[in-house]
Amino acid sequence: MRVPFFSKKDFFTADEKSRMVEAIRRAEMKTSGEIRVYVESRCRFVDPLDRATEVFWGLKMNETAQRNAVLIYLAIKDRQLALYGDKGIHEKVGNTYWNEKIHKMISHVRKENYAESIIRIVGEIGEALRFHFPYDKDTDKNELPDDIVFGR
């Protein structure tokens, strides 16, 4: 019998998962935008952005009213990550913004643990979403779950 060194779901402690979800909720309280985190062991594609795109569409994140959802994608064993922003937010921030965030996240991961990196990047993306898509108490609703999604 082969026993994995760790399971994806156990890669983060309960406290880390709770803090990541809380970071998503805090960020989304200031914006109509949506943020999701997807974690899996291996990236099935050579380019993690291709996999993030597939996951994004699979989670139906493209169905937000303002097309302003962002996916944070991590493949733990392959040490790959990607950010995928839908059309609405991408048109506002562009490729330079996403590249800067990826470089920051890589830098954070090297210095700290994955959970802290995710919490930081969620906060930064939340600020961009707040700036471009501010919260409107009369019209905004939480369109996507705030939980962390664990793949294979």
C-alpha atoms as a PDB file:
ATOM      1  CA  MET A   1       0.000   0.000   0.000  1.00  0.00           C
ATOM      2  CA  ARG A   2       1.284   3.447  -0.938  1.00  0.00           C
ATOM      3  CA  VAL A   3       0.532   6.260   1.485  1.00  0.00           C
ATOM      4  CA  PRO A   4       0.954   9.845   0.262  1.00  0.00           C
ATOM      5  CA  PHE A   5       3.246  12.079   2.298  1.00  0.00           C
ATOM      6  CA  PHE A   6       0.390  14.546   2.640  1.00  0.00           C
ATOM      7  CA  SER A   7      -3.040  15.002   1.209  1.00  0.00           C
ATOM      8  CA  LYS A   8      -3.976  18.286  -0.465  1.00  0.00           C
ATOM      9  CA  LYS A   9      -6.709  18.910   2.033  1.00  0.00           C
ATOM     10  CA  ASP A  10      -4.266  18.436   4.882  1.00  0.00           C
ATOM     11  CA  PHE A  11      -1.568  20.565   3.298  1.00  0.00           C
ATOM     12  CA  PHE A  12      -3.054  23.533   5.164  1.00  0.00           C
ATOM     13  CA  THR A  13      -3.926  23.451   8.842  1.00  0.00           C
ATOM     14  CA  ALA A  14      -7.495  24.165   9.881  1.00  0.00           C
ATOM     15  CA  ASP A  15      -6.345  27.577  11.125  1.00  0.00           C
ATOM     16  CA  GLU A  16      -4.646  28.386   7.798  1.00  0.00           C
ATOM     17  CA  LYS A  17      -7.753  27.380   5.837  1.00  0.00           C
ATOM     18  CA  SER A  18      -9.894  29.500   8.113  1.00  0.00           C
ATOM     19  CA  ARG A  19      -7.591  32.513   7.719  1.00  0.00           C
ATOM     20  CA  MET A  20      -7.540  32.158   3.926  1.00  0.00           C
ATOM     21  CA  VAL A  21     -11.329  31.991   3.729  1.00  0.00           C
ATOM     22  CA  GLU A  22     -11.566  34.985   6.067  1.00  0.00           C
ATOM     23  CA  ALA A  23      -9.163  36.919   3.797  1.00  0.00           C
ATOM     24  CA  ILE A  24     -11.429  36.174   0.831  1.00  0.00           C
ATOM     25  CA  ARG A  25     -14.501  37.321   2.766  1.00  0.00           C
ATOM     26  CA  ARG A  26     -12.776  40.522   3.928  1.00  0.00           C
ATOM     27  CA  ALA A  27     -11.654  41.341   0.395  1.00  0.00           C
ATOM     28  CA  GLU A  28     -15.089  40.666  -1.084  1.00  0.00           C
ATOM     29  CA  MET A  29     -16.837  42.886   1.480  1.00  0.00           C
ATOM     30  CA  LYS A  30     -15.340  45.906  -0.333  1.00  0.00           C
ATOM     31  CA  THR A  31     -16.098  44.881  -3.908  1.00  0.00           C
ATOM     32  CA  SER A  32     -18.584  43.254  -6.227  1.00  0.00           C
ATOM     33  CA  GLY A  33     -15.670  41.117  -7.442  1.00  0.00           C
ATOM     34  CA  GLU A  34     -15.146  37.477  -6.518  1.00  0.00           C
ATOM     35  CA  ILE A  35     -11.992  35.602  -5.529  1.00  0.00           C
ATOM     36  CA  ARG A  36     -11.522  31.831  -5.397  1.00  0.00           C
ATOM     37  CA  VAL A  37      -8.549  29.666  -4.483  1.00  0.00           C
ATOM     38  CA  TYR A  38      -7.978  26.301  -6.152  1.00  0.00           C
ATOM     39  CA  VAL A  39      -5.300  23.886  -4.891  1.00  0.00           C
ATOM     40  CA  GLU A  40      -4.244  20.562  -6.362  1.00  0.00           C
ATOM     41  CA  SER A  41      -1.194  18.333  -6.278  1.00  0.00           C
ATOM     42  CA  ARG A  42      -0.185  18.306  -9.913  1.00  0.00           C
ATOM     43  CA  CYS A  43      -0.718  20.594 -12.876  1.00  0.00           C
ATOM     44  CA  ARG A  44      -2.001  18.554 -15.791  1.00  0.00           C
ATOM     45  CA  PHE A  45      -0.695  21.115 -18.299  1.00  0.00           C
ATOM     46  CA  VAL A  46       2.773  22.408 -19.099  1.00  0.00           C
ATOM     47  CA  ASP A  47       1.539  25.964 -18.557  1.00  0.00           C
ATOM     48  CA  PRO A  48      -0.258  26.481 -15.229  1.00  0.00           C
ATOM     49  CA  LEU A  49      -2.234  29.370 -16.753  1.00  0.00           C
ATOM     50  CA  ASP A  50      -3.842  26.884 -19.147  1.00  0.00           C
ATOM     51  CA  ARG A  51      -4.884  24.757 -16.185  1.00  0.00           C
ATOM     52  CA  ALA A  52      -6.099  27.814 -14.252  1.00  0.00           C
ATOM     53  CA  THR A  53      -8.206  28.788 -17.265  1.00  0.00           C
ATOM     54  CA  GLU A  54      -9.750  25.320 -17.393  1.00  0.00           C
ATOM     55  CA  VAL A  55     -10.491  25.390 -13.649  1.00  0.00           C
ATOM     56  CA  PHE A  56     -11.913  28.918 -13.880  1.00  0.00           C
ATOM     57  CA  TRP A  57     -14.437  27.888 -16.533  1.00  0.00           C
ATOM     58  CA  GLY A  58     -15.133  24.577 -14.781  1.00  0.00           C
ATOM     59  CA  LEU A  59     -16.069  26.456 -11.602  1.00  0.00           C
ATOM     60  CA  LYS A  60     -18.311  28.734 -13.711  1.00  0.00           C
ATOM     61  CA  MET A  61     -16.465  31.788 -12.454  1.00  0.00           C
ATOM     62  CA  ASN A  62     -17.181  33.445 -15.798  1.00  0.00           C
ATOM     63  CA  GLU A  63     -20.842  33.763 -14.798  1.00  0.00           C
ATOM     64  CA  THR A  64     -20.442  36.747 -12.466  1.00  0.00           C
ATOM     65  CA  ALA A  65     -22.552  39.735 -13.508  1.00  0.00           C
ATOM     66  CA  GLN A  66     -19.587  42.055 -14.083  1.00  0.00           C
ATOM     67  CA  ARG A  67     -17.127  39.367 -15.223  1.00  0.00           C
ATOM     68  CA  ASN A  68     -14.854  40.349 -12.329  1.00  0.00           C
ATOM     69  CA  ALA A  69     -13.878  37.041 -10.758  1.00  0.00           C
ATOM     70  CA  VAL A  70     -10.266  36.045 -10.058  1.00  0.00           C
ATOM     71  CA  LEU A  71      -8.879  32.542  -9.565  1.00  0.00           C
ATOM     72  CA  ILE A  72      -5.705  31.895  -7.577  1.00  0.00           C
ATOM     73  CA  TYR A  73      -4.380  28.519  -8.754  1.00  0.00           C
ATOM     74  CA  LEU A  74      -1.690  26.410  -7.055  1.00  0.00           C
ATOM     75  CA  ALA A  75      -0.265  22.981  -7.937  1.00  0.00           C
ATOM     76  CA  ILE A  76       1.625  22.116  -4.747  1.00  0.00           C
ATOM     77  CA  LYS A  77       3.804  19.154  -5.798  1.00  0.00           C
ATOM     78  CA  ASP A  78       4.653  20.730  -9.151  1.00  0.00           C
ATOM     79  CA  ARG A  79       5.341  24.076  -7.463  1.00  0.00           C
ATOM     80  CA  GLN A  80       3.315  25.971 -10.033  1.00  0.00           C
ATOM     81  CA  LEU A  81       0.883  28.820  -9.669  1.00  0.00           C
ATOM     82  CA  ALA A  82      -1.208  31.100 -11.820  1.00  0.00           C
ATOM     83  CA  LEU A  83      -3.718  33.899 -11.538  1.00  0.00           C
ATOM     84  CA  TYR A  84      -6.669  34.110 -13.891  1.00  0.00           C
ATOM     85  CA  GLY A  85      -8.850  37.193 -13.983  1.00  0.00           C
ATOM     86  CA  ASP A  86     -12.063  37.320 -15.967  1.00  0.00           C
ATOM     87  CA  LYS A  87     -12.656  39.775 -18.788  1.00  0.00           C
ATOM     88  CA  GLY A  88     -14.024  42.628 -16.646  1.00  0.00           C
ATOM     89  CA  ILE A  89     -11.094  42.842 -14.233  1.00  0.00           C
ATOM     90  CA  HIS A  90      -8.478  41.924 -16.839  1.00  0.00           C
ATOM     91  CA  GLU A  91      -9.547  44.835 -19.045  1.00  0.00           C
ATOM     92  CA  LYS A  92      -9.020  47.169 -16.065  1.00  0.00           C
ATOM     93  CA  VAL A  93      -5.628  45.917 -14.820  1.00  0.00           C
ATOM     94  CA  GLY A  94      -3.959  44.193 -17.800  1.00  0.00           C
ATOM     95  CA  ASN A  95      -1.124  41.687 -18.092  1.00  0.00           C
ATOM     96  CA  THR A  96       1.408  43.825 -16.246  1.00  0.00           C
ATOM     97  CA  TYR A  97      -0.695  43.721 -13.077  1.00  0.00           C
ATOM     98  CA  TRP A  98      -1.060  39.913 -13.176  1.00  0.00           C
ATOM     99  CA  ASN A  99       2.670  39.448 -13.845  1.00  0.00           C
ATOM    100  CA  GLU A 100       3.540  41.688 -10.882  1.00  0.00           C
ATOM    101  CA  LYS A 101       1.222  39.702  -8.610  1.00  0.00           C
ATOM    102  CA  ILE A 102       2.701  36.383  -9.784  1.00  0.00           C
ATOM    103  CA  HIS A 103       6.228  37.630  -9.059  1.00  0.00           C
ATOM    104  CA  LYS A 104       5.157  38.853  -5.623  1.00  0.00           C
ATOM    105  CA  MET A 105       3.485  35.550  -4.874  1.00  0.00           C
ATOM    106  CA  ILE A 106       6.586  33.609  -5.910  1.00  0.00           C
ATOM    107  CA  SER A 107       8.667  35.847  -3.673  1.00  0.00           C
ATOM    108  CA  HIS A 108       6.264  35.340  -0.750  1.00  0.00           C
ATOM    109  CA  VAL A 109       6.210  31.554  -1.214  1.00  0.00           C
ATOM    110  CA  ARG A 110       9.990  31.414  -1.084  1.00  0.00           C
ATOM    111  CA  LYS A 111      10.083  33.378   2.183  1.00  0.00           C
ATOM    112  CA  GLU A 112       6.985  32.061   3.908  1.00  0.00           C
ATOM    113  CA  ASN A 113       4.418  29.358   3.694  1.00  0.00           C
ATOM    114  CA  TYR A 114       1.745  28.984   1.039  1.00  0.00           C
ATOM    115  CA  ALA A 115      -1.112  30.093   3.289  1.00  0.00           C
ATOM    116  CA  GLU A 116       0.492  33.450   4.099  1.00  0.00           C
ATOM    117  CA  SER A 117       1.223  33.982   0.412  1.00  0.00           C
ATOM    118  CA  ILE A 118      -2.391  33.314  -0.484  1.00  0.00           C
ATOM    119  CA  ILE A 119      -3.665  35.614   2.269  1.00  0.00           C
ATOM    120  CA  ARG A 120      -1.422  38.431   1.027  1.00  0.00           C
ATOM    121  CA  ILE A 121      -2.306  38.027  -2.641  1.00  0.00           C
ATOM    122  CA  VAL A 122      -6.030  37.826  -1.822  1.00  0.00           C
ATOM    123  CA  GLY A 123      -5.711  41.167  -0.040  1.00  0.00           C
ATOM    124  CA  GLU A 124      -3.869  42.767  -2.948  1.00  0.00           C
ATOM    125  CA  ILE A 125      -6.288  41.451  -5.557  1.00  0.00           C
ATOM    126  CA  GLY A 126      -9.158  42.534  -3.319  1.00  0.00           C
ATOM    127  CA  GLU A 127      -7.813  46.102  -3.375  1.00  0.00           C
ATOM    128  CA  ALA A 128      -7.697  46.125  -7.186  1.00  0.00           C
ATOM    129  CA  LEU A 129     -11.223  44.756  -7.312  1.00  0.00           C
ATOM    130  CA  ARG A 130     -12.385  47.358  -4.768  1.00  0.00           C
ATOM    131  CA  PHE A 131     -10.865  50.163  -6.843  1.00  0.00           C
ATOM    132  CA  HIS A 132     -12.393  49.034 -10.138  1.00  0.00           C
ATOM    133  CA  PHE A 133     -15.569  47.366  -8.840  1.00  0.00           C
ATOM    134  CA  PRO A 134     -16.529  48.996  -5.521  1.00  0.00           C
ATOM    135  CA  TYR A 135     -19.121  47.376  -3.292  1.00  0.00           C
ATOM    136  CA  ASP A 136     -22.704  48.623  -3.688  1.00  0.00           C
ATOM    137  CA  LYS A 137     -24.885  47.572  -0.758  1.00  0.00           C
ATOM    138  CA  ASP A 138     -28.040  47.863  -2.870  1.00  0.00           C
ATOM    139  CA  THR A 139     -26.995  45.596  -5.727  1.00  0.00           C
ATOM    140  CA  ASP A 140     -24.080  43.407  -4.674  1.00  0.00           C
ATOM    141  CA  LYS A 141     -24.399  39.795  -3.649  1.00  0.00           C
ATOM    142  CA  ASN A 142     -21.884  37.039  -3.085  1.00  0.00           C
ATOM    143  CA  GLU A 143     -22.022  35.256  -6.431  1.00  0.00           C
ATOM    144  CA  LEU A 144     -19.475  32.503  -5.726  1.00  0.00           C
ATOM    145  CA  PRO A 145     -18.574  30.448  -2.635  1.00  0.00           C
ATOM    146  CA  ASP A 146     -15.675  31.740  -0.543  1.00  0.00           C
ATOM    147  CA  ASP A 147     -14.261  28.303   0.252  1.00  0.00           C
ATOM    148  CA  ILE A 148     -10.969  26.862  -0.949  1.00  0.00           C
ATOM    149  CA  VAL A 149     -11.443  24.263  -3.685  1.00  0.00           C
ATOM    150  CA  PHE A 150      -9.214  21.196  -3.587  1.00  0.00           C
ATOM    151  CA  GLY A 151      -8.659  19.292  -6.820  1.00  0.00           C
ATOM    152  CA  ARG A 152      -6.896  15.996  -7.377  1.00  0.00           C
END
